[in-house]
Amino acid sequence: MEKNICIVGILVDERAHRAPEVQQVLTRHGSRILSRSGIPDPGRRRGIITLTMEADESERRTLERDLQQIEGVVVKSVALGPALM
């Protein structure tokens, strides 16, 4: 399958409580993650993580599905185009 550059946005409600589960999923998919940034504000109950990935459609959907199985997590992604190899 063709690999694409993808942007994945993750909104985590009750961030402090759900962070360990989210981190486990991201670690499992870590080989496809090129960059990660987040808004670490301990005073807020929600957190935002953005990922840049190089993944085929199946890999991206698997990551989304794994994250969406965590209560309070919303995931949206977009594939930008073929990765240059």
PDB file of N, CA and C in Angstrom:
ATOM      1  N   MET A   1       0.834  -1.191   0.000  1.00  0.00           N
ATOM      2  CA  MET A   1       0.000   0.000   0.000  1.00  0.00           C
ATOM      3  C   MET A   1       0.873   1.246   0.000  1.00  0.00           C
ATOM      4  N   GLU A   2       0.356   2.290  -0.603  1.00  0.00           N
ATOM      5  CA  GLU A   2       1.074   3.546  -0.681  1.00  0.00           C
ATOM      6  C   GLU A   2       1.041   4.270   0.658  1.00  0.00           C
ATOM      7  N   LYS A   3       2.196   4.742   1.080  1.00  0.00           N
ATOM      8  CA  LYS A   3       2.271   5.506   2.330  1.00  0.00           C
ATOM      9  C   LYS A   3       2.017   6.974   2.024  1.00  0.00           C
ATOM     10  N   ASN A   4       1.280   7.620   2.897  1.00  0.00           N
ATOM     11  CA  ASN A   4       0.960   9.033   2.785  1.00  0.00           C
ATOM     12  C   ASN A   4       1.482   9.775   4.003  1.00  0.00           C
ATOM     13  N   ILE A   5       1.656  11.070   3.830  1.00  0.00           N
ATOM     14  CA  ILE A   5       1.899  11.939   4.980  1.00  0.00           C
ATOM     15  C   ILE A   5       0.515  12.298   5.520  1.00  0.00           C
ATOM     16  N   CYS A   6       0.317  12.069   6.805  1.00  0.00           N
ATOM     17  CA  CYS A   6      -0.981  12.281   7.446  1.00  0.00           C
ATOM     18  C   CYS A   6      -0.822  13.205   8.645  1.00  0.00           C
ATOM     19  N   ILE A   7      -1.837  14.007   8.876  1.00  0.00           N
ATOM     20  CA  ILE A   7      -1.925  14.821  10.085  1.00  0.00           C
ATOM     21  C   ILE A   7      -3.073  14.249  10.907  1.00  0.00           C
ATOM     22  N   VAL A   8      -2.802  13.970  12.172  1.00  0.00           N
ATOM     23  CA  VAL A   8      -3.809  13.398  13.060  1.00  0.00           C
ATOM     24  C   VAL A   8      -3.984  14.337  14.246  1.00  0.00           C
ATOM     25  N   GLY A   9      -5.217  14.764  14.479  1.00  0.00           N
ATOM     26  CA  GLY A   9      -5.545  15.602  15.632  1.00  0.00           C
ATOM     27  C   GLY A   9      -6.258  14.755  16.676  1.00  0.00           C
ATOM     28  N   ILE A  10      -5.812  14.871  17.907  1.00  0.00           N
ATOM     29  CA  ILE A  10      -6.380  14.081  19.011  1.00  0.00           C
ATOM     30  C   ILE A  10      -6.806  15.034  20.116  1.00  0.00           C
ATOM     31  N   LEU A  11      -8.074  14.978  20.494  1.00  0.00           N
ATOM     32  CA  LEU A  11      -8.599  15.761  21.606  1.00  0.00           C
ATOM     33  C   LEU A  11      -8.873  14.790  22.749  1.00  0.00           C
ATOM     34  N   VAL A  12      -8.267  15.054  23.895  1.00  0.00           N
ATOM     35  CA  VAL A  12      -8.375  14.140  25.038  1.00  0.00           C
ATOM     36  C   VAL A  12      -9.093  14.854  26.174  1.00  0.00           C
ATOM     37  N   ASP A  13     -10.296  14.390  26.496  1.00  0.00           N
ATOM     38  CA  ASP A  13     -11.062  14.912  27.624  1.00  0.00           C
ATOM     39  C   ASP A  13     -10.546  14.235  28.892  1.00  0.00           C
ATOM     40  N   GLU A  14     -10.578  14.929  30.021  1.00  0.00           N
ATOM     41  CA  GLU A  14     -10.036  14.374  31.274  1.00  0.00           C
ATOM     42  C   GLU A  14      -8.601  13.903  31.036  1.00  0.00           C
ATOM     43  N   ARG A  15      -7.814  14.814  30.485  1.00  0.00           N
ATOM     44  CA  ARG A  15      -6.454  14.530  30.029  1.00  0.00           C
ATOM     45  C   ARG A  15      -5.601  13.799  31.075  1.00  0.00           C
ATOM     46  N   ALA A  16      -5.594  14.268  32.291  1.00  0.00           N
ATOM     47  CA  ALA A  16      -4.749  13.673  33.322  1.00  0.00           C
ATOM     48  C   ALA A  16      -5.104  12.205  33.563  1.00  0.00           C
ATOM     49  N   HIS A  17      -6.367  11.880  33.453  1.00  0.00           N
ATOM     50  CA  HIS A  17      -6.840  10.513  33.700  1.00  0.00           C
ATOM     51  C   HIS A  17      -6.563   9.577  32.520  1.00  0.00           C
ATOM     52  N   ARG A  18      -6.685  10.096  31.310  1.00  0.00           N
ATOM     53  CA  ARG A  18      -6.592   9.245  30.116  1.00  0.00           C
ATOM     54  C   ARG A  18      -5.217   9.214  29.459  1.00  0.00           C
ATOM     55  N   ALA A  19      -4.315  10.076  29.886  1.00  0.00           N
ATOM     56  CA  ALA A  19      -2.998  10.173  29.256  1.00  0.00           C
ATOM     57  C   ALA A  19      -2.240   8.843  29.187  1.00  0.00           C
ATOM     58  N   PRO A  20      -2.230   8.022  30.229  1.00  0.00           N
ATOM     59  CA  PRO A  20      -1.482   6.757  30.130  1.00  0.00           C
ATOM     60  C   PRO A  20      -1.998   5.839  29.020  1.00  0.00           C
ATOM     61  N   GLU A  21      -3.310   5.747  28.869  1.00  0.00           N
ATOM     62  CA  GLU A  21      -3.890   4.900  27.813  1.00  0.00           C
ATOM     63  C   GLU A  21      -3.563   5.441  26.427  1.00  0.00           C
ATOM     64  N   VAL A  22      -3.664   6.752  26.272  1.00  0.00           N
ATOM     65  CA  VAL A  22      -3.347   7.382  24.992  1.00  0.00           C
ATOM     66  C   VAL A  22      -1.872   7.136  24.671  1.00  0.00           C
ATOM     67  N   GLN A  23      -1.010   7.302  25.657  1.00  0.00           N
ATOM     68  CA  GLN A  23       0.423   7.107  25.443  1.00  0.00           C
ATOM     69  C   GLN A  23       0.731   5.667  25.011  1.00  0.00           C
ATOM     70  N   GLN A  24       0.050   4.693  25.584  1.00  0.00           N
ATOM     71  CA  GLN A  24       0.259   3.294  25.184  1.00  0.00           C
ATOM     72  C   GLN A  24      -0.050   3.091  23.707  1.00  0.00           C
ATOM     73  N   VAL A  25      -1.147   3.670  23.242  1.00  0.00           N
ATOM     74  CA  VAL A  25      -1.518   3.542  21.827  1.00  0.00           C
ATOM     75  C   VAL A  25      -0.471   4.226  20.947  1.00  0.00           C
ATOM     76  N   LEU A  26      -0.060   5.423  21.324  1.00  0.00           N
ATOM     77  CA  LEU A  26       0.927   6.145  20.520  1.00  0.00           C
ATOM     78  C   LEU A  26       2.257   5.397  20.480  1.00  0.00           C
ATOM     79  N   THR A  27       2.625   4.776  21.559  1.00  0.00           N
ATOM     80  CA  THR A  27       3.865   4.000  21.590  1.00  0.00           C
ATOM     81  C   THR A  27       3.770   2.800  20.645  1.00  0.00           C
ATOM     82  N   ARG A  28       2.620   2.126  20.618  1.00  0.00           N
ATOM     83  CA  ARG A  28       2.437   0.982  19.709  1.00  0.00           C
ATOM     84  C   ARG A  28       2.578   1.388  18.248  1.00  0.00           C
ATOM     85  N   HIS A  29       2.183   2.591  17.918  1.00  0.00           N
ATOM     86  CA  HIS A  29       2.213   3.079  16.539  1.00  0.00           C
ATOM     87  C   HIS A  29       3.402   4.004  16.286  1.00  0.00           C
ATOM     88  N   GLY A  30       4.322   4.055  17.210  1.00  0.00           N
ATOM     89  CA  GLY A  30       5.421   5.012  17.179  1.00  0.00           C
ATOM     90  C   GLY A  30       6.311   4.952  15.953  1.00  0.00           C
ATOM     91  N   SER A  31       6.444   3.792  15.351  1.00  0.00           N
ATOM     92  CA  SER A  31       7.337   3.686  14.184  1.00  0.00           C
ATOM     93  C   SER A  31       6.810   4.464  12.978  1.00  0.00           C
ATOM     94  N   ARG A  32       5.547   4.827  12.989  1.00  0.00           N
ATOM     95  CA  ARG A  32       4.961   5.577  11.881  1.00  0.00           C
ATOM     96  C   ARG A  32       4.822   7.076  12.191  1.00  0.00           C
ATOM     97  N   ILE A  33       5.068   7.456  13.429  1.00  0.00           N
ATOM     98  CA  ILE A  33       4.916   8.860  13.841  1.00  0.00           C
ATOM     99  C   ILE A  33       6.220   9.603  13.577  1.00  0.00           C
ATOM    100  N   LEU A  34       6.125  10.657  12.755  1.00  0.00           N
ATOM    101  CA  LEU A  34       7.295  11.471  12.432  1.00  0.00           C
ATOM    102  C   LEU A  34       7.489  12.603  13.438  1.00  0.00           C
ATOM    103  N   SER A  35       6.387  13.192  13.892  1.00  0.00           N
ATOM    104  CA  SER A  35       6.471  14.260  14.896  1.00  0.00           C
ATOM    105  C   SER A  35       5.198  14.274  15.729  1.00  0.00           C
ATOM    106  N   ARG A  36       5.342  14.858  16.905  1.00  0.00           N
ATOM    107  CA  ARG A  36       4.224  14.935  17.847  1.00  0.00           C
ATOM    108  C   ARG A  36       4.343  16.248  18.598  1.00  0.00           C
ATOM    109  N   SER A  37       3.220  16.929  18.748  1.00  0.00           N
ATOM    110  CA  SER A  37       3.207  18.116  19.595  1.00  0.00           C
ATOM    111  C   SER A  37       1.920  18.131  20.393  1.00  0.00           C
ATOM    112  N   GLY A  38       1.972  18.773  21.525  1.00  0.00           N
ATOM    113  CA  GLY A  38       0.792  18.813  22.376  1.00  0.00           C
ATOM    114  C   GLY A  38       0.738  20.111  23.147  1.00  0.00           C
ATOM    115  N   ILE A  39      -0.407  20.335  23.739  1.00  0.00           N
ATOM    116  CA  ILE A  39      -0.593  21.504  24.588  1.00  0.00           C
ATOM    117  C   ILE A  39      -0.677  20.987  26.024  1.00  0.00           C
ATOM    118  N   PRO A  40       0.437  21.044  26.743  1.00  0.00           N
ATOM    119  CA  PRO A  40       0.483  20.509  28.106  1.00  0.00           C
ATOM    120  C   PRO A  40       0.097  21.560  29.138  1.00  0.00           C
ATOM    121  N   ASP A  41      -1.170  21.733  29.373  1.00  0.00           N
ATOM    122  CA  ASP A  41      -1.641  22.714  30.345  1.00  0.00           C
ATOM    123  C   ASP A  41      -2.321  21.976  31.488  1.00  0.00           C
ATOM    124  N   PRO A  42      -1.622  21.770  32.597  1.00  0.00           N
ATOM    125  CA  PRO A  42      -2.193  21.000  33.699  1.00  0.00           C
ATOM    126  C   PRO A  42      -3.485  21.594  34.265  1.00  0.00           C
ATOM    127  N   GLY A  43      -3.711  22.900  34.074  1.00  0.00           N
ATOM    128  CA  GLY A  43      -4.906  23.542  34.603  1.00  0.00           C
ATOM    129  C   GLY A  43      -6.159  23.270  33.792  1.00  0.00           C
ATOM    130  N   ARG A  44      -6.001  22.700  32.611  1.00  0.00           N
ATOM    131  CA  ARG A  44      -7.163  22.430  31.753  1.00  0.00           C
ATOM    132  C   ARG A  44      -7.517  20.953  31.804  1.00  0.00           C
ATOM    133  N   ARG A  45      -8.773  20.669  31.597  1.00  0.00           N
ATOM    134  CA  ARG A  45      -9.224  19.280  31.649  1.00  0.00           C
ATOM    135  C   ARG A  45      -9.065  18.568  30.318  1.00  0.00           C
ATOM    136  N   ARG A  46      -8.875  19.338  29.223  1.00  0.00           N
ATOM    137  CA  ARG A  46      -8.709  18.723  27.907  1.00  0.00           C
ATOM    138  C   ARG A  46      -7.323  19.022  27.373  1.00  0.00           C
ATOM    139  N   GLY A  47      -6.841  18.120  26.565  1.00  0.00           N
ATOM    140  CA  GLY A  47      -5.549  18.321  25.936  1.00  0.00           C
ATOM    141  C   GLY A  47      -5.645  18.041  24.449  1.00  0.00           C
ATOM    142  N   ILE A  48      -4.741  18.644  23.690  1.00  0.00           N
ATOM    143  CA  ILE A  48      -4.706  18.453  22.243  1.00  0.00           C
ATOM    144  C   ILE A  48      -3.330  17.930  21.865  1.00  0.00           C
ATOM    145  N   ILE A  49      -3.326  16.878  21.047  1.00  0.00           N
ATOM    146  CA  ILE A  49      -2.092  16.321  20.504  1.00  0.00           C
ATOM    147  C   ILE A  49      -2.230  16.334  18.990  1.00  0.00           C
ATOM    148  N   THR A  50      -1.183  16.756  18.305  1.00  0.00           N
ATOM    149  CA  THR A  50      -1.161  16.647  16.847  1.00  0.00           C
ATOM    150  C   THR A  50       0.028  15.775  16.453  1.00  0.00           C
ATOM    151  N   LEU A  51      -0.232  14.890  15.511  1.00  0.00           N
ATOM    152  CA  LEU A  51       0.789  13.982  15.006  1.00  0.00           C
ATOM    153  C   LEU A  51       0.981  14.211  13.515  1.00  0.00           C
ATOM    154  N   THR A  52       2.191  14.065  13.057  1.00  0.00           N
ATOM    155  CA  THR A  52       2.483  13.940  11.634  1.00  0.00           C
ATOM    156  C   THR A  52       2.978  12.516  11.457  1.00  0.00           C
ATOM    157  N   MET A  53       2.353  11.793  10.534  1.00  0.00           N
ATOM    158  CA  MET A  53       2.676  10.383  10.341  1.00  0.00           C
ATOM    159  C   MET A  53       3.007  10.086   8.891  1.00  0.00           C
ATOM    160  N   GLU A  54       3.747   9.025   8.690  1.00  0.00           N
ATOM    161  CA  GLU A  54       3.924   8.441   7.368  1.00  0.00           C
ATOM    162  C   GLU A  54       3.319   7.045   7.481  1.00  0.00           C
ATOM    163  N   ALA A  55       2.158   6.866   6.876  1.00  0.00           N
ATOM    164  CA  ALA A  55       1.412   5.618   7.055  1.00  0.00           C
ATOM    165  C   ALA A  55       0.514   5.362   5.861  1.00  0.00           C
ATOM    166  N   ASP A  56       0.228   4.085   5.636  1.00  0.00           N
ATOM    167  CA  ASP A  56      -0.771   3.793   4.616  1.00  0.00           C
ATOM    168  C   ASP A  56      -2.149   3.918   5.265  1.00  0.00           C
ATOM    169  N   GLU A  57      -3.175   3.832   4.461  1.00  0.00           N
ATOM    170  CA  GLU A  57      -4.535   4.056   4.950  1.00  0.00           C
ATOM    171  C   GLU A  57      -4.909   3.095   6.074  1.00  0.00           C
ATOM    172  N   SER A  58      -4.531   1.842   5.936  1.00  0.00           N
ATOM    173  CA  SER A  58      -4.844   0.839   6.949  1.00  0.00           C
ATOM    174  C   SER A  58      -4.166   1.165   8.286  1.00  0.00           C
ATOM    175  N   GLU A  59      -2.911   1.566   8.241  1.00  0.00           N
ATOM    176  CA  GLU A  59      -2.184   1.915   9.472  1.00  0.00           C
ATOM    177  C   GLU A  59      -2.807   3.130  10.142  1.00  0.00           C
ATOM    178  N   ARG A  60      -3.166   4.130   9.348  1.00  0.00           N
ATOM    179  CA  ARG A  60      -3.796   5.342   9.901  1.00  0.00           C
ATOM    180  C   ARG A  60      -5.134   5.009  10.540  1.00  0.00           C
ATOM    181  N   ARG A  61      -5.929   4.215   9.863  1.00  0.00           N
ATOM    182  CA  ARG A  61      -7.246   3.848  10.411  1.00  0.00           C
ATOM    183  C   ARG A  61      -7.120   3.011  11.680  1.00  0.00           C
ATOM    184  N   THR A  62      -6.116   2.158  11.736  1.00  0.00           N
ATOM    185  CA  THR A  62      -5.896   1.349  12.940  1.00  0.00           C
ATOM    186  C   THR A  62      -5.558   2.244  14.121  1.00  0.00           C
ATOM    187  N   LEU A  63      -4.684   3.228  13.906  1.00  0.00           N
ATOM    188  CA  LEU A  63      -4.360   4.173  14.976  1.00  0.00           C
ATOM    189  C   LEU A  63      -5.621   4.902  15.429  1.00  0.00           C
ATOM    190  N   GLU A  64      -6.398   5.407  14.486  1.00  0.00           N
ATOM    191  CA  GLU A  64      -7.637   6.108  14.827  1.00  0.00           C
ATOM    192  C   GLU A  64      -8.564   5.214  15.644  1.00  0.00           C
ATOM    193  N   ARG A  65      -8.760   4.002  15.181  1.00  0.00           N
ATOM    194  CA  ARG A  65      -9.665   3.071  15.873  1.00  0.00           C
ATOM    195  C   ARG A  65      -9.169   2.795  17.298  1.00  0.00           C
ATOM    196  N   ASP A  66      -7.873   2.558  17.446  1.00  0.00           N
ATOM    197  CA  ASP A  66      -7.317   2.273  18.772  1.00  0.00           C
ATOM    198  C   ASP A  66      -7.522   3.448  19.721  1.00  0.00           C
ATOM    199  N   LEU A  67      -7.335   4.670  19.216  1.00  0.00           N
ATOM    200  CA  LEU A  67      -7.526   5.841  20.058  1.00  0.00           C
ATOM    201  C   LEU A  67      -8.996   6.075  20.378  1.00  0.00           C
ATOM    202  N   GLN A  68      -9.876   5.872  19.403  1.00  0.00           N
ATOM    203  CA  GLN A  68     -11.304   6.124  19.616  1.00  0.00           C
ATOM    204  C   GLN A  68     -11.942   5.114  20.568  1.00  0.00           C
ATOM    205  N   GLN A  69     -11.268   4.021  20.819  1.00  0.00           N
ATOM    206  CA  GLN A  69     -11.780   3.053  21.788  1.00  0.00           C
ATOM    207  C   GLN A  69     -11.592   3.539  23.224  1.00  0.00           C
ATOM    208  N   ILE A  70     -10.803   4.604  23.392  1.00  0.00           N
ATOM    209  CA  ILE A  70     -10.600   5.191  24.714  1.00  0.00           C
ATOM    210  C   ILE A  70     -11.690   6.227  24.940  1.00  0.00           C
ATOM    211  N   GLU A  71     -12.455   6.055  25.996  1.00  0.00           N
ATOM    212  CA  GLU A  71     -13.538   6.992  26.295  1.00  0.00           C
ATOM    213  C   GLU A  71     -12.979   8.402  26.455  1.00  0.00           C
ATOM    214  N   GLY A  72     -13.652   9.372  25.867  1.00  0.00           N
ATOM    215  CA  GLY A  72     -13.249  10.765  25.994  1.00  0.00           C
ATOM    216  C   GLY A  72     -12.200  11.223  24.999  1.00  0.00           C
ATOM    217  N   VAL A  73     -11.880  10.372  24.017  1.00  0.00           N
ATOM    218  CA  VAL A  73     -10.885  10.730  23.012  1.00  0.00           C
ATOM    219  C   VAL A  73     -11.577  10.890  21.659  1.00  0.00           C
ATOM    220  N   VAL A  74     -11.309  12.010  20.991  1.00  0.00           N
ATOM    221  CA  VAL A  74     -11.836  12.287  19.661  1.00  0.00           C
ATOM    222  C   VAL A  74     -10.642  12.401  18.719  1.00  0.00           C
ATOM    223  N   VAL A  75     -10.743  11.756  17.552  1.00  0.00           N
ATOM    224  CA  VAL A  75      -9.633  11.741  16.590  1.00  0.00           C
ATOM    225  C   VAL A  75     -10.151  12.153  15.217  1.00  0.00           C
ATOM    226  N   LYS A  76      -9.415  13.034  14.570  1.00  0.00           N
ATOM    227  CA  LYS A  76      -9.678  13.432  13.187  1.00  0.00           C
ATOM    228  C   LYS A  76      -8.352  13.408  12.454  1.00  0.00           C
ATOM    229  N   SER A  77      -8.383  12.952  11.207  1.00  0.00           N
ATOM    230  CA  SER A  77      -7.130  12.907  10.450  1.00  0.00           C
ATOM    231  C   SER A  77      -7.369  13.247   8.985  1.00  0.00           C
ATOM    232  N   VAL A  78      -6.264  13.587   8.331  1.00  0.00           N
ATOM    233  CA  VAL A  78      -6.302  13.872   6.906  1.00  0.00           C
ATOM    234  C   VAL A  78      -4.996  13.376   6.304  1.00  0.00           C
ATOM    235  N   ALA A  79      -5.126  12.709   5.153  1.00  0.00           N
ATOM    236  CA  ALA A  79      -3.942  12.280   4.402  1.00  0.00           C
ATOM    237  C   ALA A  79      -3.628  13.375   3.398  1.00  0.00           C
ATOM    238  N   LEU A  80      -2.394  13.859   3.405  1.00  0.00           N
ATOM    239  CA  LEU A  80      -2.025  14.985   2.555  1.00  0.00           C
ATOM    240  C   LEU A  80      -1.504  14.575   1.185  1.00  0.00           C
ATOM    241  N   GLY A  81      -0.986  13.392   1.065  1.00  0.00           N
ATOM    242  CA  GLY A  81      -0.479  12.950  -0.218  1.00  0.00           C
ATOM    243  C   GLY A  81       0.622  11.934  -0.055  1.00  0.00           C
ATOM    244  N   PRO A  82       1.076  11.388  -1.158  1.00  0.00           N
ATOM    245  CA  PRO A  82       2.088  10.334  -1.108  1.00  0.00           C
ATOM    246  C   PRO A  82       3.386  10.818  -0.461  1.00  0.00           C
ATOM    247  N   ALA A  83       3.959   9.944   0.350  1.00  0.00           N
ATOM    248  CA  ALA A  83       5.264  10.221   0.954  1.00  0.00           C
ATOM    249  C   ALA A  83       6.334  10.017  -0.114  1.00  0.00           C
ATOM    250  N   LEU A  84       7.330  10.866  -0.098  1.00  0.00           N
ATOM    251  CA  LEU A  84       8.439  10.715  -1.039  1.00  0.00           C
ATOM    252  C   LEU A  84       9.401   9.684  -0.485  1.00  0.00           C
ATOM    253  N   MET A  85       9.732   8.729  -1.289  1.00  0.00           N
ATOM    254  CA  MET A  85      10.628   7.666  -0.835  1.00  0.00           C
ATOM    255  C   MET A  85      11.965   7.806  -1.497  1.00  0.00           C
TER     256      MET A  85
END
